Amino acid sequence: GESWEQVYTFPAVYYETDTSGKIIDFQAYKPFQAVDNSHLKNYLSKIKNYLSKKAEIDLSNCTKPYVTQTYVSGTSWYRVWSDGWIEQGGVITTSGLTTLSFMKAFRDTDYNISFAAQSDIAGHIRGVAYTMIAAASITMYGFSGGDNYRTFQARWRACGYVST
């Protein structure tokens, strides 16, 4: 006696939960099923809810590193991995001697850092060389052609293991 708005063919999913609501059994079948829109929306909502929690459920069993933290603000960013590896970067304005403080300190000075700076209109080559390296910062010297005090921006990227 129900009226059907549409007929759908879709894979059906069977799952069981324990008393806390955690899914303990998940199986997919491929039957033909006619449903009304409200039933389909309910079904899709349950699947979306399950899939959104699936990563949380399965991460304890992951054997490969996965991202645990991300941050982006303007030109600054970082990504921390489950094994402690961190990638971070941004843009720094430099003119002569400049100190770059990292958003996340490294566990030691065994990390890699690279800089890139675009040459100016006059063709002056710009570059950065570090003079002091520490776990939480690096002191560098920016130069532009023959003028060591010309202000310019340099992109930077550093990677290594994060301080715990």
N, C-alpha and C. Protein backbone atom coordinates (compact mmCIF):
# COMPACT_ATOMS: atom_id res chain seq x y z
N GLY A 1 0.78 -1.18 0.00
CA GLY A 1 0.00 0.00 0.00
C GLY A 1 0.84 1.27 0.00
N GLU A 2 2.20 1.17 -0.07
CA GLU A 2 3.01 2.38 -0.10
C GLU A 2 3.19 2.85 -1.53
N SER A 3 3.36 4.14 -1.70
CA SER A 3 3.64 4.66 -3.04
C SER A 3 5.14 4.87 -3.17
N TRP A 4 5.72 4.49 -4.29
CA TRP A 4 7.15 4.60 -4.53
C TRP A 4 7.40 5.74 -5.50
N GLU A 5 8.31 6.64 -5.13
CA GLU A 5 8.62 7.76 -6.01
C GLU A 5 9.57 7.34 -7.12
N GLN A 6 10.57 6.50 -6.78
CA GLN A 6 11.52 6.04 -7.77
C GLN A 6 11.99 4.65 -7.37
N VAL A 7 12.57 3.98 -8.33
CA VAL A 7 13.14 2.66 -8.08
C VAL A 7 14.64 2.77 -8.29
N TYR A 8 15.43 2.26 -7.35
CA TYR A 8 16.88 2.35 -7.41
C TYR A 8 17.49 0.95 -7.39
N THR A 9 18.61 0.83 -8.07
CA THR A 9 19.45 -0.35 -7.93
C THR A 9 20.73 0.11 -7.27
N PHE A 10 21.06 -0.45 -6.15
CA PHE A 10 22.27 -0.06 -5.45
C PHE A 10 22.75 -1.21 -4.59
N PRO A 11 24.04 -1.19 -4.27
CA PRO A 11 24.55 -2.26 -3.40
C PRO A 11 24.00 -2.09 -1.99
N ALA A 12 23.49 -3.17 -1.45
CA ALA A 12 22.99 -3.12 -0.08
C ALA A 12 24.14 -3.43 0.86
N VAL A 13 24.07 -2.88 2.02
CA VAL A 13 25.12 -3.08 3.00
C VAL A 13 24.49 -3.66 4.26
N TYR A 14 25.14 -4.68 4.76
CA TYR A 14 24.71 -5.29 6.01
C TYR A 14 25.81 -5.03 7.03
N TYR A 15 25.43 -4.52 8.18
CA TYR A 15 26.42 -4.38 9.23
C TYR A 15 25.77 -4.61 10.58
N GLU A 16 26.58 -5.09 11.53
CA GLU A 16 26.13 -5.31 12.89
C GLU A 16 26.94 -4.41 13.81
N THR A 17 26.32 -3.98 14.89
CA THR A 17 27.03 -3.15 15.86
C THR A 17 27.00 -3.82 17.23
N ASP A 18 27.99 -3.48 18.05
CA ASP A 18 27.96 -3.97 19.42
C ASP A 18 27.11 -3.01 20.26
N THR A 19 27.06 -3.20 21.55
CA THR A 19 26.19 -2.39 22.40
C THR A 19 26.60 -0.92 22.45
N SER A 20 27.86 -0.61 22.14
CA SER A 20 28.30 0.79 22.13
C SER A 20 28.05 1.48 20.79
N GLY A 21 27.59 0.72 19.80
CA GLY A 21 27.34 1.28 18.47
C GLY A 21 28.49 1.11 17.51
N LYS A 22 29.60 0.49 17.93
CA LYS A 22 30.75 0.25 17.06
C LYS A 22 30.40 -0.86 16.07
N ILE A 23 30.72 -0.64 14.81
CA ILE A 23 30.44 -1.64 13.78
C ILE A 23 31.40 -2.81 13.95
N ILE A 24 30.85 -4.02 14.05
CA ILE A 24 31.69 -5.20 14.23
C ILE A 24 31.65 -6.14 13.03
N ASP A 25 30.70 -5.96 12.12
CA ASP A 25 30.63 -6.78 10.92
C ASP A 25 30.10 -5.90 9.80
N PHE A 26 30.74 -5.98 8.63
CA PHE A 26 30.36 -5.13 7.51
C PHE A 26 30.45 -5.98 6.24
N GLN A 27 29.33 -6.12 5.52
CA GLN A 27 29.31 -6.91 4.29
C GLN A 27 28.47 -6.18 3.25
N ALA A 28 28.87 -6.27 2.00
CA ALA A 28 28.12 -5.65 0.92
C ALA A 28 27.49 -6.73 0.05
N TYR A 29 26.26 -6.51 -0.35
CA TYR A 29 25.53 -7.40 -1.24
C TYR A 29 25.05 -6.57 -2.43
N LYS A 30 24.63 -7.23 -3.50
CA LYS A 30 24.19 -6.49 -4.67
C LYS A 30 22.77 -6.90 -5.09
N PRO A 31 21.80 -6.69 -4.25
CA PRO A 31 20.43 -7.02 -4.65
C PRO A 31 19.78 -5.85 -5.39
N PHE A 32 18.64 -6.12 -5.97
CA PHE A 32 17.81 -5.06 -6.52
C PHE A 32 16.79 -4.73 -5.45
N GLN A 33 16.61 -3.44 -5.17
CA GLN A 33 15.68 -3.07 -4.13
C GLN A 33 14.96 -1.80 -4.54
N ALA A 34 13.67 -1.79 -4.38
CA ALA A 34 12.88 -0.59 -4.65
C ALA A 34 12.64 0.11 -3.32
N VAL A 35 12.93 1.40 -3.29
CA VAL A 35 12.78 2.14 -2.03
C VAL A 35 12.19 3.51 -2.32
N ASP A 36 11.63 4.10 -1.28
CA ASP A 36 11.19 5.48 -1.44
C ASP A 36 12.35 6.41 -1.09
N ASN A 37 12.22 7.66 -1.41
CA ASN A 37 13.31 8.62 -1.20
C ASN A 37 13.72 8.73 0.26
N SER A 38 12.78 8.69 1.18
CA SER A 38 13.14 8.85 2.58
C SER A 38 13.98 7.66 3.06
N HIS A 39 13.65 6.45 2.58
CA HIS A 39 14.43 5.27 2.94
C HIS A 39 15.84 5.38 2.36
N LEU A 40 15.95 5.83 1.12
CA LEU A 40 17.25 5.98 0.48
C LEU A 40 18.10 7.03 1.20
N LYS A 41 17.51 8.16 1.56
CA LYS A 41 18.25 9.19 2.28
C LYS A 41 18.75 8.67 3.62
N ASN A 42 17.92 7.89 4.31
CA ASN A 42 18.32 7.30 5.59
C ASN A 42 19.48 6.33 5.38
N TYR A 43 19.38 5.51 4.36
CA TYR A 43 20.42 4.54 4.03
C TYR A 43 21.74 5.24 3.72
N LEU A 44 21.69 6.26 2.85
CA LEU A 44 22.90 6.99 2.48
C LEU A 44 23.49 7.75 3.66
N SER A 45 22.66 8.25 4.54
CA SER A 45 23.13 8.93 5.74
C SER A 45 23.90 7.97 6.64
N LYS A 46 23.41 6.73 6.80
CA LYS A 46 24.09 5.73 7.61
C LYS A 46 25.45 5.37 6.99
N ILE A 47 25.50 5.22 5.67
CA ILE A 47 26.75 4.90 4.99
C ILE A 47 27.74 6.05 5.16
N LYS A 48 27.29 7.28 4.97
CA LYS A 48 28.16 8.44 5.11
C LYS A 48 28.70 8.52 6.54
N ASN A 49 27.86 8.28 7.52
CA ASN A 49 28.28 8.30 8.92
C ASN A 49 29.32 7.21 9.18
N TYR A 50 29.09 6.02 8.65
CA TYR A 50 30.04 4.92 8.83
C TYR A 50 31.38 5.25 8.20
N LEU A 51 31.37 5.75 6.96
CA LEU A 51 32.61 6.03 6.26
C LEU A 51 33.38 7.18 6.92
N SER A 52 32.68 8.16 7.49
CA SER A 52 33.37 9.26 8.15
C SER A 52 34.11 8.79 9.40
N LYS A 53 33.63 7.71 10.01
CA LYS A 53 34.27 7.17 11.21
C LYS A 53 35.23 6.03 10.89
N LYS A 54 35.21 5.54 9.66
CA LYS A 54 36.02 4.39 9.30
C LYS A 54 37.51 4.65 9.53
N ALA A 55 38.02 5.83 9.15
CA ALA A 55 39.43 6.14 9.36
C ALA A 55 39.77 6.11 10.84
N GLU A 56 38.88 6.65 11.68
CA GLU A 56 39.14 6.64 13.12
C GLU A 56 39.21 5.21 13.64
N ILE A 57 38.40 4.35 13.12
CA ILE A 57 38.36 2.96 13.57
C ILE A 57 39.61 2.21 13.11
N ASP A 58 40.02 2.43 11.87
CA ASP A 58 41.07 1.63 11.27
C ASP A 58 42.50 2.14 11.50
N LEU A 59 42.69 3.39 11.94
CA LEU A 59 44.04 3.95 12.02
C LEU A 59 44.95 3.20 12.97
N SER A 60 44.42 2.58 14.00
CA SER A 60 45.27 1.84 14.93
C SER A 60 45.94 0.65 14.26
N ASN A 61 45.39 0.19 13.17
CA ASN A 61 45.95 -0.97 12.46
C ASN A 61 46.84 -0.57 11.29
N CYS A 62 47.01 0.73 11.05
CA CYS A 62 47.81 1.18 9.91
C CYS A 62 49.29 0.88 10.15
N THR A 63 49.93 0.32 9.14
CA THR A 63 51.36 0.05 9.22
C THR A 63 52.18 1.11 8.50
N LYS A 64 51.54 1.90 7.65
CA LYS A 64 52.23 2.97 6.93
C LYS A 64 51.93 4.30 7.61
N PRO A 65 52.87 5.25 7.56
CA PRO A 65 52.63 6.56 8.18
C PRO A 65 51.43 7.26 7.56
N TYR A 66 50.72 8.01 8.36
CA TYR A 66 49.57 8.78 7.91
C TYR A 66 49.64 10.16 8.56
N VAL A 67 48.96 11.13 7.96
CA VAL A 67 48.99 12.50 8.45
C VAL A 67 48.15 12.60 9.73
N THR A 68 48.76 13.20 10.78
CA THR A 68 48.04 13.37 12.05
C THR A 68 47.68 14.82 12.32
N GLN A 69 48.43 15.77 11.75
CA GLN A 69 48.14 17.19 11.94
C GLN A 69 48.45 17.95 10.66
N THR A 70 47.61 18.92 10.37
CA THR A 70 47.90 19.84 9.27
C THR A 70 47.59 21.25 9.73
N TYR A 71 48.29 22.21 9.15
CA TYR A 71 48.08 23.61 9.50
C TYR A 71 48.39 24.44 8.26
N VAL A 72 47.53 25.42 7.98
CA VAL A 72 47.78 26.37 6.91
C VAL A 72 47.26 27.72 7.38
N SER A 73 48.11 28.74 7.26
CA SER A 73 47.71 30.11 7.56
C SER A 73 48.52 31.04 6.66
N GLY A 74 47.83 31.66 5.74
CA GLY A 74 48.54 32.52 4.78
C GLY A 74 49.51 31.68 3.96
N THR A 75 50.80 32.04 4.01
CA THR A 75 51.81 31.28 3.27
C THR A 75 52.52 30.26 4.15
N SER A 76 52.17 30.17 5.43
CA SER A 76 52.80 29.22 6.35
C SER A 76 51.98 27.93 6.42
N TRP A 77 52.68 26.80 6.52
CA TRP A 77 51.99 25.51 6.56
C TRP A 77 52.88 24.46 7.20
N TYR A 78 52.26 23.39 7.69
CA TYR A 78 52.99 22.20 8.09
C TYR A 78 52.10 20.98 8.03
N ARG A 79 52.74 19.84 7.99
CA ARG A 79 52.06 18.54 7.99
C ARG A 79 52.90 17.61 8.84
N VAL A 80 52.27 17.02 9.90
CA VAL A 80 52.96 16.09 10.79
C VAL A 80 52.43 14.69 10.50
N TRP A 81 53.33 13.74 10.40
CA TRP A 81 52.99 12.35 10.10
C TRP A 81 53.01 11.51 11.38
N SER A 82 52.35 10.37 11.35
CA SER A 82 52.22 9.50 12.53
C SER A 82 53.56 8.99 13.05
N ASP A 83 54.57 8.92 12.20
CA ASP A 83 55.89 8.44 12.65
C ASP A 83 56.79 9.58 13.15
N GLY A 84 56.24 10.81 13.24
CA GLY A 84 56.99 11.94 13.74
C GLY A 84 57.65 12.81 12.67
N TRP A 85 57.57 12.39 11.43
CA TRP A 85 58.13 13.18 10.33
C TRP A 85 57.29 14.44 10.16
N ILE A 86 57.95 15.56 9.92
CA ILE A 86 57.23 16.81 9.69
C ILE A 86 57.77 17.50 8.45
N GLU A 87 56.85 18.09 7.71
CA GLU A 87 57.18 18.94 6.57
C GLU A 87 56.58 20.30 6.91
N GLN A 88 57.34 21.35 6.76
CA GLN A 88 56.81 22.68 7.01
C GLN A 88 57.46 23.67 6.07
N GLY A 89 56.78 24.79 5.86
CA GLY A 89 57.31 25.78 4.94
C GLY A 89 56.55 27.08 4.98
N GLY A 90 56.98 28.00 4.13
CA GLY A 90 56.34 29.29 4.06
C GLY A 90 57.15 30.27 3.25
N VAL A 91 56.92 31.53 3.50
CA VAL A 91 57.64 32.61 2.83
C VAL A 91 58.22 33.51 3.91
N ILE A 92 59.47 33.90 3.76
CA ILE A 92 60.13 34.79 4.71
C ILE A 92 60.68 35.99 3.96
N THR A 93 60.58 37.15 4.58
CA THR A 93 61.18 38.36 4.03
C THR A 93 62.55 38.50 4.66
N THR A 94 63.57 38.67 3.84
CA THR A 94 64.94 38.73 4.35
C THR A 94 65.69 39.91 3.74
N SER A 95 66.61 40.42 4.51
CA SER A 95 67.52 41.46 4.07
C SER A 95 68.76 41.34 4.95
N GLY A 96 69.80 40.76 4.43
CA GLY A 96 70.98 40.52 5.26
C GLY A 96 70.72 39.37 6.22
N LEU A 97 71.08 39.54 7.47
CA LEU A 97 70.96 38.49 8.49
C LEU A 97 69.52 38.41 9.01
N THR A 98 68.90 37.22 8.96
CA THR A 98 67.50 37.02 9.37
C THR A 98 67.39 35.69 10.10
N THR A 99 66.54 35.65 11.13
CA THR A 99 66.28 34.39 11.83
C THR A 99 64.88 33.91 11.49
N LEU A 100 64.79 32.67 11.10
CA LEU A 100 63.51 32.02 10.80
C LEU A 100 63.20 31.08 11.96
N SER A 101 62.10 31.34 12.67
CA SER A 101 61.65 30.44 13.75
C SER A 101 60.62 29.48 13.17
N PHE A 102 60.83 28.20 13.37
CA PHE A 102 59.92 27.19 12.84
C PHE A 102 58.60 27.17 13.62
N MET A 103 57.53 26.82 12.94
CA MET A 103 56.23 26.70 13.60
C MET A 103 56.24 25.52 14.55
N LYS A 104 56.91 24.44 14.16
CA LYS A 104 57.09 23.25 14.99
C LYS A 104 58.59 22.97 15.04
N ALA A 105 59.13 22.88 16.25
CA ALA A 105 60.57 22.63 16.39
C ALA A 105 60.90 21.20 15.96
N PHE A 106 62.08 21.03 15.40
CA PHE A 106 62.57 19.70 15.06
C PHE A 106 63.19 19.08 16.31
N ARG A 107 63.35 17.76 16.33
CA ARG A 107 63.90 17.11 17.52
C ARG A 107 65.41 17.34 17.67
N ASP A 108 66.07 17.67 16.55
CA ASP A 108 67.49 17.97 16.56
C ASP A 108 67.82 18.77 15.31
N THR A 109 69.07 18.94 14.99
CA THR A 109 69.45 19.73 13.82
C THR A 109 69.63 18.87 12.57
N ASP A 110 69.22 17.62 12.64
CA ASP A 110 69.33 16.71 11.50
C ASP A 110 68.07 16.81 10.64
N TYR A 111 67.87 17.96 10.02
CA TYR A 111 66.75 18.17 9.11
C TYR A 111 67.26 18.81 7.84
N ASN A 112 66.43 18.84 6.83
CA ASN A 112 66.79 19.41 5.55
C ASN A 112 65.98 20.67 5.33
N ILE A 113 66.61 21.71 4.85
CA ILE A 113 65.88 22.95 4.54
C ILE A 113 66.35 23.46 3.19
N SER A 114 65.40 23.99 2.43
CA SER A 114 65.74 24.57 1.14
C SER A 114 65.03 25.91 0.99
N PHE A 115 65.64 26.78 0.20
CA PHE A 115 65.11 28.12 -0.04
C PHE A 115 65.04 28.35 -1.54
N ALA A 116 64.10 29.18 -1.96
CA ALA A 116 64.00 29.60 -3.35
C ALA A 116 63.63 31.06 -3.37
N ALA A 117 64.34 31.85 -4.16
CA ALA A 117 64.06 33.28 -4.29
C ALA A 117 64.14 33.66 -5.75
N GLN A 118 63.17 34.42 -6.22
CA GLN A 118 63.13 34.83 -7.62
C GLN A 118 64.10 35.98 -7.85
N SER A 119 64.80 35.96 -8.98
CA SER A 119 65.71 37.07 -9.30
C SER A 119 64.87 38.32 -9.57
N ASP A 120 65.47 39.49 -9.34
CA ASP A 120 64.72 40.73 -9.55
C ASP A 120 64.75 41.16 -11.02
N ILE A 121 64.11 42.28 -11.32
CA ILE A 121 63.98 42.76 -12.70
C ILE A 121 65.35 43.05 -13.32
N ALA A 122 66.28 43.53 -12.51
CA ALA A 122 67.63 43.85 -13.01
C ALA A 122 68.47 42.58 -13.21
N GLY A 123 67.92 41.43 -12.88
CA GLY A 123 68.63 40.17 -13.08
C GLY A 123 69.56 39.79 -11.95
N HIS A 124 69.48 40.51 -10.83
CA HIS A 124 70.30 40.14 -9.69
C HIS A 124 69.88 38.78 -9.16
N ILE A 125 70.85 37.94 -8.96
CA ILE A 125 70.57 36.62 -8.40
C ILE A 125 70.37 36.77 -6.90
N ARG A 126 69.31 36.21 -6.40
CA ARG A 126 69.02 36.25 -4.97
C ARG A 126 69.24 34.87 -4.39
N GLY A 127 69.69 34.84 -3.18
CA GLY A 127 69.91 33.55 -2.54
C GLY A 127 69.91 33.66 -1.04
N VAL A 128 69.91 32.51 -0.40
CA VAL A 128 69.92 32.42 1.05
C VAL A 128 70.93 31.36 1.45
N ALA A 129 71.73 31.66 2.43
CA ALA A 129 72.66 30.69 3.01
C ALA A 129 72.50 30.76 4.52
N TYR A 130 72.48 29.62 5.18
CA TYR A 130 72.31 29.66 6.63
C TYR A 130 73.65 29.78 7.33
N THR A 131 73.62 30.47 8.47
CA THR A 131 74.84 30.68 9.25
C THR A 131 74.78 29.95 10.58
N MET A 132 73.57 29.71 11.12
CA MET A 132 73.43 28.99 12.37
C MET A 132 72.16 28.15 12.31
N ILE A 133 72.30 26.88 12.65
CA ILE A 133 71.17 25.98 12.59
C ILE A 133 70.86 25.47 14.00
N ALA A 134 69.58 25.51 14.37
CA ALA A 134 69.12 25.01 15.67
C ALA A 134 67.84 24.22 15.43
N ALA A 135 67.37 23.51 16.42
CA ALA A 135 66.16 22.69 16.27
C ALA A 135 64.91 23.54 16.08
N ALA A 136 64.86 24.71 16.71
CA ALA A 136 63.66 25.55 16.65
C ALA A 136 63.78 26.72 15.68
N SER A 137 64.97 26.98 15.14
CA SER A 137 65.15 28.12 14.25
C SER A 137 66.40 27.95 13.41
N ILE A 138 66.51 28.82 12.44
CA ILE A 138 67.71 28.86 11.61
C ILE A 138 68.02 30.32 11.32
N THR A 139 69.27 30.70 11.46
CA THR A 139 69.70 32.06 11.13
C THR A 139 70.34 31.99 9.75
N MET A 140 69.89 32.88 8.89
CA MET A 140 70.32 32.83 7.50
C MET A 140 70.74 34.21 7.03
N TYR A 141 71.40 34.20 5.91
CA TYR A 141 71.88 35.43 5.30
C TYR A 141 71.30 35.51 3.90
N GLY A 142 70.48 36.53 3.65
CA GLY A 142 69.91 36.72 2.33
C GLY A 142 70.75 37.69 1.52
N PHE A 143 71.01 37.35 0.29
CA PHE A 143 71.80 38.25 -0.56
C PHE A 143 71.14 38.40 -1.91
N SER A 144 71.34 39.56 -2.53
CA SER A 144 70.75 39.87 -3.82
C SER A 144 71.80 40.54 -4.69
N GLY A 145 72.40 39.77 -5.58
CA GLY A 145 73.45 40.31 -6.43
C GLY A 145 74.57 40.88 -5.58
N GLY A 146 75.00 42.11 -5.85
CA GLY A 146 76.04 42.74 -5.07
C GLY A 146 75.51 43.51 -3.87
N ASP A 147 74.17 43.59 -3.73
CA ASP A 147 73.56 44.36 -2.65
C ASP A 147 73.05 43.42 -1.57
N ASN A 148 73.79 43.31 -0.48
CA ASN A 148 73.41 42.37 0.57
C ASN A 148 72.26 42.86 1.45
N TYR A 149 71.84 44.10 1.29
CA TYR A 149 70.80 44.64 2.17
C TYR A 149 69.48 44.87 1.45
N ARG A 150 69.36 44.40 0.25
CA ARG A 150 68.12 44.54 -0.47
C ARG A 150 67.09 43.56 0.11
N THR A 151 65.91 44.04 0.40
CA THR A 151 64.87 43.20 0.99
C THR A 151 64.16 42.40 -0.11
N PHE A 152 63.97 41.12 0.12
CA PHE A 152 63.23 40.27 -0.80
C PHE A 152 62.59 39.11 -0.04
N GLN A 153 61.70 38.43 -0.72
CA GLN A 153 61.04 37.28 -0.12
C GLN A 153 61.64 35.98 -0.66
N ALA A 154 61.74 35.01 0.21
CA ALA A 154 62.22 33.69 -0.18
C ALA A 154 61.23 32.64 0.31
N ARG A 155 60.96 31.67 -0.52
CA ARG A 155 60.13 30.52 -0.10
C ARG A 155 61.05 29.51 0.57
N TRP A 156 60.55 28.86 1.62
CA TRP A 156 61.36 27.87 2.32
C TRP A 156 60.53 26.62 2.60
N ARG A 157 61.22 25.52 2.71
CA ARG A 157 60.62 24.23 3.04
C ARG A 157 61.64 23.45 3.85
N ALA A 158 61.19 22.91 4.98
CA ALA A 158 62.09 22.12 5.85
C ALA A 158 61.38 20.82 6.20
N CYS A 159 62.15 19.74 6.34
CA CYS A 159 61.57 18.45 6.73
C CYS A 159 62.57 17.68 7.58
N GLY A 160 62.04 16.94 8.51
CA GLY A 160 62.81 16.15 9.45
C GLY A 160 61.87 15.57 10.49
N TYR A 161 62.38 15.18 11.64
CA TYR A 161 61.52 14.64 12.70
C TYR A 161 61.21 15.70 13.72
N VAL A 162 59.95 15.76 14.11
CA VAL A 162 59.45 16.79 15.03
C VAL A 162 59.87 16.49 16.47
N SER A 163 60.03 17.55 17.24
CA SER A 163 60.34 17.43 18.66
C SER A 163 59.11 16.88 19.38
N THR A 164 59.32 15.98 20.33
CA THR A 164 58.16 15.42 21.05
C THR A 164 57.94 16.11 22.37
